Structures are given as C-alpha cells and as structure tokens.
C-alpha cells in the first residue's frame, strides 16, 4: 500500500479518520492525501445574484479545514480542495490517482444534513472502485 486518500468534511468522524489514516500511513510508509469536496450550491433562479460568493466562501472554508487536518496529521501530506458532488468526486480522485485505500468517517456533519443531502460515505462505498475503510 503506497497511497492513501482521506476525505474530510470538518466533522469529528472525519478527524478520527485522519488520525487512523496517519497511523496506517506511518506503519506502511505510504503517502497520504487529504481531500475536501465543496458540494454544489443551488439557488432559485429568482435570486438576483449567482452562487459564486457562496462557492468562494465554501472553498475558503475547505482550505481552513484542510489546514486543521494537516496540523492534526502532523506529517507531510498532499491536499486537494475540489468542487462537485462529494462521493462522485472522491471516487474519481481515488480512481484517477490510483489510491490503494480511501479512508472516510462513518458520520458526516449531522443527521439533518445527511437526511437532506444523503450520506456521502454510504454513496462512496457503493460507487468507489478502490478499497474503502470506514472509521467509526
């Protein structure tokens, strides 16, 4: 195992996944990449301005989350901050980057968010072609 991808979203479960992935990466001498995906923002057509301000703010928040995760990891790692549908983007990144393992937390930002947007972890487990470790 040479490459590990960790998905982060700011939740405690994601930070636990980071800590678990760091332990694995150290033990296996693998490279670690942290990834944050900014989901698409939708606004009704009658709103007089576009989604760009919200998207820019979400990307900046993602950068802060990545910095926190890198500090938590305490090791050198690559960072990806991308936009799109989280599960699909993570699956694409894992496949295109030839990652040996994808590590994700078992719970995201909260029950209400999961009910509204669906579980990223559940979707990722179903569509990703790479091995996935779901950390509880």
N, C-alpha and C. Protein backbone atom coordinates (compact mmCIF):
# COMPACT_ATOMS: atom_id res chain seq x y z
N UNK A 1 0.86 -1.17 0.00
CA UNK A 1 0.00 0.00 0.00
C UNK A 1 0.90 1.23 0.00
N UNK A 2 0.74 2.06 -1.04
CA UNK A 2 1.62 3.21 -1.20
C UNK A 2 0.90 4.55 -1.10
N UNK A 3 -0.41 4.59 -1.41
CA UNK A 3 -1.14 5.85 -1.44
C UNK A 3 -2.48 5.72 -0.71
N UNK A 4 -2.70 6.64 0.23
CA UNK A 4 -3.95 6.65 1.00
C UNK A 4 -4.62 8.01 0.82
N UNK A 5 -5.91 7.98 0.53
CA UNK A 5 -6.73 9.18 0.38
C UNK A 5 -7.67 9.28 1.57
N UNK A 6 -7.73 10.44 2.21
CA UNK A 6 -8.63 10.64 3.34
C UNK A 6 -9.59 11.77 3.02
N UNK A 7 -10.88 11.51 3.18
CA UNK A 7 -11.90 12.52 2.94
C UNK A 7 -12.17 13.26 4.24
N UNK A 8 -12.20 14.60 4.16
CA UNK A 8 -12.51 15.39 5.36
C UNK A 8 -13.67 16.33 5.06
N UNK A 9 -14.47 16.58 6.10
CA UNK A 9 -15.61 17.49 5.95
C UNK A 9 -15.80 18.38 7.17
N UNK A 10 -14.85 18.34 8.09
CA UNK A 10 -14.96 19.17 9.28
C UNK A 10 -15.62 18.47 10.45
N UNK A 11 -16.09 17.27 10.27
CA UNK A 11 -16.73 16.53 11.36
C UNK A 11 -15.68 15.84 12.23
N UNK A 12 -16.07 15.49 13.45
CA UNK A 12 -15.17 14.75 14.33
C UNK A 12 -14.88 13.37 13.75
N UNK A 13 -15.86 12.77 13.09
CA UNK A 13 -15.63 11.45 12.47
C UNK A 13 -14.55 11.55 11.39
N UNK A 14 -14.53 12.64 10.64
CA UNK A 14 -13.50 12.82 9.62
C UNK A 14 -12.13 12.99 10.25
N UNK A 15 -12.06 13.72 11.36
CA UNK A 15 -10.77 13.89 12.03
C UNK A 15 -10.28 12.56 12.62
N UNK A 16 -11.20 11.75 13.08
CA UNK A 16 -10.82 10.41 13.55
C UNK A 16 -10.29 9.58 12.37
N UNK A 17 -10.91 9.75 11.21
CA UNK A 17 -10.42 9.06 10.00
C UNK A 17 -9.01 9.53 9.65
N UNK A 18 -8.74 10.83 9.82
CA UNK A 18 -7.39 11.36 9.57
C UNK A 18 -6.39 10.70 10.50
N UNK A 19 -6.72 10.63 11.79
CA UNK A 19 -5.79 10.02 12.77
C UNK A 19 -5.54 8.54 12.43
N UNK A 20 -6.57 7.83 12.03
CA UNK A 20 -6.42 6.42 11.67
C UNK A 20 -5.56 6.28 10.42
N UNK A 21 -5.80 7.13 9.43
CA UNK A 21 -5.02 7.08 8.19
C UNK A 21 -3.56 7.42 8.43
N UNK A 22 -3.29 8.35 9.34
CA UNK A 22 -1.90 8.70 9.67
C UNK A 22 -1.19 7.49 10.27
N UNK A 23 -1.86 6.79 11.16
CA UNK A 23 -1.27 5.58 11.75
C UNK A 23 -0.96 4.55 10.67
N UNK A 24 -1.89 4.36 9.76
CA UNK A 24 -1.67 3.42 8.66
C UNK A 24 -0.53 3.89 7.75
N UNK A 25 -0.53 5.16 7.41
CA UNK A 25 0.49 5.70 6.50
C UNK A 25 1.89 5.56 7.11
N UNK A 26 2.01 5.85 8.39
CA UNK A 26 3.30 5.72 9.06
C UNK A 26 3.75 4.27 9.07
N UNK A 27 2.84 3.38 9.43
CA UNK A 27 3.18 1.96 9.51
C UNK A 27 3.52 1.33 8.18
N UNK A 28 2.87 1.82 7.13
CA UNK A 28 3.06 1.25 5.80
C UNK A 28 4.00 2.08 4.92
N UNK A 29 4.49 3.18 5.45
CA UNK A 29 5.33 4.11 4.68
C UNK A 29 4.62 4.55 3.40
N UNK A 30 3.34 4.88 3.57
CA UNK A 30 2.51 5.28 2.43
C UNK A 30 2.38 6.80 2.39
N UNK A 31 2.11 7.32 1.20
CA UNK A 31 1.83 8.74 1.03
C UNK A 31 0.37 9.00 1.39
N UNK A 32 0.14 10.14 2.04
CA UNK A 32 -1.19 10.49 2.49
C UNK A 32 -1.67 11.74 1.76
N UNK A 33 -2.91 11.69 1.29
CA UNK A 33 -3.53 12.85 0.64
C UNK A 33 -4.86 13.11 1.34
N UNK A 34 -5.06 14.37 1.75
CA UNK A 34 -6.32 14.78 2.36
C UNK A 34 -7.16 15.48 1.31
N UNK A 35 -8.44 15.14 1.26
CA UNK A 35 -9.32 15.73 0.24
C UNK A 35 -10.58 16.29 0.88
N UNK A 36 -10.94 17.49 0.46
CA UNK A 36 -12.18 18.12 0.86
C UNK A 36 -12.94 18.46 -0.41
N UNK A 37 -14.23 18.14 -0.43
CA UNK A 37 -15.05 18.43 -1.60
C UNK A 37 -16.14 19.43 -1.22
N UNK A 38 -16.17 20.52 -1.94
CA UNK A 38 -17.21 21.53 -1.76
C UNK A 38 -18.39 21.13 -2.63
N UNK A 39 -19.54 20.79 -2.01
CA UNK A 39 -20.69 20.39 -2.82
C UNK A 39 -21.25 21.56 -3.61
N UNK A 40 -21.94 21.26 -4.70
CA UNK A 40 -22.52 22.34 -5.50
C UNK A 40 -23.56 23.13 -4.70
N UNK A 41 -23.62 24.41 -4.98
CA UNK A 41 -24.61 25.29 -4.34
C UNK A 41 -25.69 25.61 -5.36
N UNK A 42 -26.91 25.42 -4.95
CA UNK A 42 -28.03 25.70 -5.84
C UNK A 42 -28.85 26.85 -5.25
N UNK A 43 -29.21 27.79 -6.08
CA UNK A 43 -30.10 28.87 -5.66
C UNK A 43 -31.23 28.96 -6.68
N UNK A 44 -32.39 29.38 -6.22
CA UNK A 44 -33.51 29.53 -7.15
C UNK A 44 -33.19 30.58 -8.22
N UNK A 45 -33.75 30.43 -9.40
CA UNK A 45 -33.47 31.38 -10.49
C UNK A 45 -33.88 32.82 -10.16
N UNK A 46 -34.83 32.99 -9.27
CA UNK A 46 -35.29 34.35 -8.95
C UNK A 46 -34.32 35.11 -8.03
N UNK A 47 -33.31 34.44 -7.49
CA UNK A 47 -32.32 35.12 -6.67
C UNK A 47 -31.49 36.03 -7.57
N UNK A 48 -31.33 37.32 -7.20
CA UNK A 48 -30.71 38.29 -8.11
C UNK A 48 -29.19 38.18 -8.25
N UNK A 49 -28.57 37.25 -7.59
CA UNK A 49 -27.12 37.09 -7.72
C UNK A 49 -26.80 35.61 -7.82
N UNK A 50 -25.64 35.29 -8.33
CA UNK A 50 -25.25 33.90 -8.55
C UNK A 50 -24.73 33.23 -7.29
N UNK A 51 -24.24 32.03 -7.45
CA UNK A 51 -23.75 31.24 -6.32
C UNK A 51 -22.27 31.47 -6.05
N UNK A 52 -21.60 32.24 -6.90
CA UNK A 52 -20.14 32.39 -6.77
C UNK A 52 -19.69 32.86 -5.39
N UNK A 53 -20.35 33.85 -4.76
CA UNK A 53 -19.89 34.25 -3.42
C UNK A 53 -19.95 33.11 -2.41
N UNK A 54 -21.01 32.30 -2.48
CA UNK A 54 -21.13 31.17 -1.57
C UNK A 54 -20.10 30.09 -1.89
N UNK A 55 -19.88 29.86 -3.16
CA UNK A 55 -18.89 28.86 -3.56
C UNK A 55 -17.49 29.30 -3.12
N UNK A 56 -17.15 30.56 -3.34
CA UNK A 56 -15.84 31.05 -2.92
C UNK A 56 -15.65 30.91 -1.41
N UNK A 57 -16.69 31.25 -0.65
CA UNK A 57 -16.63 31.13 0.81
C UNK A 57 -16.46 29.66 1.23
N UNK A 58 -17.17 28.77 0.57
CA UNK A 58 -17.07 27.34 0.89
C UNK A 58 -15.69 26.79 0.55
N UNK A 59 -15.10 27.25 -0.53
CA UNK A 59 -13.74 26.82 -0.90
C UNK A 59 -12.74 27.31 0.15
N UNK A 60 -12.89 28.55 0.58
CA UNK A 60 -12.01 29.08 1.63
C UNK A 60 -12.18 28.31 2.93
N UNK A 61 -13.41 27.97 3.29
CA UNK A 61 -13.65 27.17 4.48
C UNK A 61 -13.00 25.80 4.34
N UNK A 62 -13.05 25.24 3.13
CA UNK A 62 -12.39 23.96 2.88
C UNK A 62 -10.89 24.04 3.08
N UNK A 63 -10.30 25.15 2.66
CA UNK A 63 -8.86 25.35 2.87
C UNK A 63 -8.53 25.37 4.35
N UNK A 64 -9.37 26.04 5.14
CA UNK A 64 -9.15 26.07 6.60
C UNK A 64 -9.28 24.67 7.20
N UNK A 65 -10.26 23.90 6.74
CA UNK A 65 -10.42 22.53 7.23
C UNK A 65 -9.21 21.68 6.88
N UNK A 66 -8.70 21.86 5.67
CA UNK A 66 -7.51 21.11 5.26
C UNK A 66 -6.30 21.48 6.12
N UNK A 67 -6.15 22.76 6.41
CA UNK A 67 -5.04 23.19 7.26
C UNK A 67 -5.14 22.56 8.65
N UNK A 68 -6.35 22.55 9.21
CA UNK A 68 -6.56 21.92 10.51
C UNK A 68 -6.24 20.43 10.46
N UNK A 69 -6.66 19.78 9.39
CA UNK A 69 -6.41 18.34 9.25
C UNK A 69 -4.93 18.04 9.09
N UNK A 70 -4.21 18.89 8.35
CA UNK A 70 -2.77 18.71 8.18
C UNK A 70 -2.08 18.87 9.54
N UNK A 71 -2.51 19.86 10.31
CA UNK A 71 -1.95 20.05 11.64
C UNK A 71 -2.23 18.84 12.52
N UNK A 72 -3.43 18.31 12.43
CA UNK A 72 -3.81 17.11 13.20
C UNK A 72 -2.97 15.92 12.76
N UNK A 73 -2.73 15.81 11.46
CA UNK A 73 -1.97 14.67 10.94
C UNK A 73 -0.53 14.71 11.45
N UNK A 74 0.07 15.88 11.47
CA UNK A 74 1.43 16.00 11.96
C UNK A 74 2.48 15.40 11.04
N UNK A 75 2.09 15.10 9.81
CA UNK A 75 3.05 14.57 8.83
C UNK A 75 2.84 15.32 7.52
N UNK A 76 3.81 15.19 6.64
CA UNK A 76 3.69 15.82 5.33
C UNK A 76 2.64 15.07 4.51
N UNK A 77 1.71 15.82 3.94
CA UNK A 77 0.70 15.19 3.10
C UNK A 77 0.22 16.18 2.05
N UNK A 78 -0.28 15.63 0.96
CA UNK A 78 -0.86 16.45 -0.09
C UNK A 78 -2.28 16.83 0.31
N UNK A 79 -2.77 17.92 -0.31
CA UNK A 79 -4.12 18.40 -0.03
C UNK A 79 -4.84 18.66 -1.34
N UNK A 80 -6.11 18.29 -1.36
CA UNK A 80 -6.97 18.57 -2.51
C UNK A 80 -8.23 19.26 -1.99
N UNK A 81 -8.58 20.38 -2.60
CA UNK A 81 -9.81 21.08 -2.27
C UNK A 81 -10.53 21.29 -3.59
N UNK A 82 -11.57 20.49 -3.83
CA UNK A 82 -12.24 20.48 -5.12
C UNK A 82 -13.73 20.73 -4.94
N UNK A 83 -14.41 20.97 -6.04
CA UNK A 83 -15.86 21.17 -6.00
C UNK A 83 -16.54 20.04 -6.76
N UNK A 84 -17.79 19.82 -6.42
CA UNK A 84 -18.57 18.80 -7.10
C UNK A 84 -19.38 17.97 -6.12
N UNK A 85 -19.98 16.94 -6.63
CA UNK A 85 -20.73 16.02 -5.78
C UNK A 85 -19.72 15.20 -4.98
N UNK A 86 -19.74 15.28 -3.64
CA UNK A 86 -18.66 14.70 -2.83
C UNK A 86 -18.33 13.24 -3.11
N UNK A 87 -19.29 12.36 -3.08
CA UNK A 87 -18.99 10.94 -3.27
C UNK A 87 -18.42 10.67 -4.66
N UNK A 88 -19.02 11.28 -5.64
CA UNK A 88 -18.56 11.05 -7.02
C UNK A 88 -17.15 11.61 -7.24
N UNK A 89 -16.90 12.80 -6.71
CA UNK A 89 -15.56 13.40 -6.87
C UNK A 89 -14.51 12.58 -6.14
N UNK A 90 -14.83 12.12 -4.93
CA UNK A 90 -13.87 11.30 -4.17
C UNK A 90 -13.59 9.99 -4.90
N UNK A 91 -14.63 9.37 -5.44
CA UNK A 91 -14.43 8.13 -6.20
C UNK A 91 -13.56 8.36 -7.42
N UNK A 92 -13.79 9.47 -8.13
CA UNK A 92 -12.98 9.81 -9.30
C UNK A 92 -11.53 10.06 -8.91
N UNK A 93 -11.32 10.83 -7.85
CA UNK A 93 -9.96 11.13 -7.38
C UNK A 93 -9.24 9.84 -7.00
N UNK A 94 -9.93 8.97 -6.28
CA UNK A 94 -9.33 7.70 -5.86
C UNK A 94 -8.93 6.86 -7.05
N UNK A 95 -9.80 6.81 -8.05
CA UNK A 95 -9.54 6.00 -9.23
C UNK A 95 -8.44 6.61 -10.10
N UNK A 96 -8.56 7.89 -10.41
CA UNK A 96 -7.59 8.55 -11.27
C UNK A 96 -6.22 8.66 -10.62
N UNK A 97 -6.19 8.80 -9.29
CA UNK A 97 -4.93 8.90 -8.58
C UNK A 97 -4.33 7.56 -8.20
N UNK A 98 -5.01 6.48 -8.56
CA UNK A 98 -4.56 5.12 -8.25
C UNK A 98 -4.27 4.96 -6.77
N UNK A 99 -5.19 5.44 -5.93
CA UNK A 99 -5.03 5.29 -4.49
C UNK A 99 -5.30 3.84 -4.09
N UNK A 100 -4.53 3.36 -3.15
CA UNK A 100 -4.68 1.99 -2.68
C UNK A 100 -5.78 1.86 -1.64
N UNK A 101 -6.11 2.97 -0.98
CA UNK A 101 -7.11 2.94 0.07
C UNK A 101 -7.73 4.32 0.21
N UNK A 102 -9.05 4.34 0.46
CA UNK A 102 -9.77 5.57 0.76
C UNK A 102 -10.29 5.44 2.18
N UNK A 103 -9.99 6.43 3.02
CA UNK A 103 -10.41 6.40 4.42
C UNK A 103 -11.43 7.51 4.63
N UNK A 104 -12.58 7.15 5.21
CA UNK A 104 -13.65 8.12 5.46
C UNK A 104 -14.23 7.88 6.85
N UNK A 105 -14.80 8.93 7.40
CA UNK A 105 -15.51 8.81 8.67
C UNK A 105 -16.88 8.20 8.45
N UNK A 106 -17.40 7.60 9.50
CA UNK A 106 -18.70 6.93 9.36
C UNK A 106 -19.87 7.91 9.39
N UNK A 107 -19.65 9.09 9.95
CA UNK A 107 -20.72 10.08 10.03
C UNK A 107 -20.19 11.40 9.54
N UNK A 108 -21.07 12.15 8.88
CA UNK A 108 -20.67 13.46 8.38
C UNK A 108 -21.05 14.57 9.33
N UNK A 109 -21.56 15.63 8.76
CA UNK A 109 -21.83 16.84 9.53
C UNK A 109 -23.04 16.74 10.45
N UNK A 110 -23.88 15.77 10.31
CA UNK A 110 -25.03 15.66 11.19
C UNK A 110 -26.19 14.96 10.53
N UNK A 111 -27.12 14.52 11.37
CA UNK A 111 -28.25 13.74 10.88
C UNK A 111 -29.13 14.53 9.92
N UNK A 112 -29.36 15.80 10.22
CA UNK A 112 -30.22 16.61 9.35
C UNK A 112 -29.56 16.77 7.98
N UNK A 113 -28.27 17.07 7.96
CA UNK A 113 -27.57 17.23 6.68
C UNK A 113 -27.59 15.94 5.90
N UNK A 114 -27.38 14.80 6.57
CA UNK A 114 -27.40 13.52 5.87
C UNK A 114 -28.78 13.24 5.29
N UNK A 115 -29.83 13.58 6.05
CA UNK A 115 -31.18 13.33 5.57
C UNK A 115 -31.47 14.18 4.34
N UNK A 116 -30.97 15.41 4.32
CA UNK A 116 -31.25 16.31 3.21
C UNK A 116 -30.42 16.00 1.97
N UNK A 117 -29.15 15.67 2.16
CA UNK A 117 -28.27 15.50 1.01
C UNK A 117 -27.81 14.07 0.80
N UNK A 118 -28.17 13.15 1.68
CA UNK A 118 -27.74 11.77 1.56
C UNK A 118 -26.39 11.55 2.19
N UNK A 119 -26.08 10.32 2.50
CA UNK A 119 -24.83 10.00 3.15
C UNK A 119 -23.71 9.84 2.13
N UNK A 120 -22.71 10.71 2.22
CA UNK A 120 -21.57 10.63 1.31
C UNK A 120 -20.84 9.30 1.48
N UNK A 121 -20.65 8.89 2.72
CA UNK A 121 -19.95 7.63 2.97
C UNK A 121 -20.69 6.46 2.35
N UNK A 122 -21.99 6.41 2.56
CA UNK A 122 -22.79 5.31 2.00
C UNK A 122 -22.70 5.30 0.49
N UNK A 123 -22.82 6.44 -0.12
CA UNK A 123 -22.74 6.52 -1.59
C UNK A 123 -21.35 6.13 -2.08
N UNK A 124 -20.32 6.62 -1.39
CA UNK A 124 -18.95 6.32 -1.79
C UNK A 124 -18.67 4.82 -1.73
N UNK A 125 -19.14 4.17 -0.68
CA UNK A 125 -18.95 2.73 -0.55
C UNK A 125 -19.55 1.99 -1.74
N UNK A 126 -20.64 2.50 -2.27
CA UNK A 126 -21.31 1.83 -3.38
C UNK A 126 -20.71 2.12 -4.75
N UNK A 127 -20.06 3.27 -4.92
CA UNK A 127 -19.60 3.61 -6.27
C UNK A 127 -18.08 3.57 -6.44
N UNK A 128 -17.33 3.60 -5.36
CA UNK A 128 -15.87 3.66 -5.48
C UNK A 128 -15.30 2.28 -5.84
N UNK A 129 -14.38 2.27 -6.79
CA UNK A 129 -13.75 1.02 -7.23
C UNK A 129 -12.55 0.66 -6.38
N UNK A 130 -12.11 1.56 -5.51
CA UNK A 130 -10.96 1.33 -4.65
C UNK A 130 -11.40 0.86 -3.27
N UNK A 131 -10.54 0.15 -2.54
CA UNK A 131 -10.91 -0.27 -1.18
C UNK A 131 -11.18 0.95 -0.29
N UNK A 132 -12.18 0.80 0.58
CA UNK A 132 -12.58 1.89 1.48
C UNK A 132 -12.55 1.38 2.91
N UNK A 133 -11.97 2.21 3.79
CA UNK A 133 -12.00 1.95 5.21
C UNK A 133 -12.90 2.99 5.83
N UNK A 134 -14.01 2.55 6.44
CA UNK A 134 -14.93 3.45 7.11
C UNK A 134 -14.58 3.41 8.60
N UNK A 135 -14.19 4.57 9.13
CA UNK A 135 -13.74 4.66 10.50
C UNK A 135 -14.89 5.13 11.38
N UNK A 136 -15.11 4.43 12.46
CA UNK A 136 -16.17 4.80 13.41
C UNK A 136 -15.59 5.60 14.55
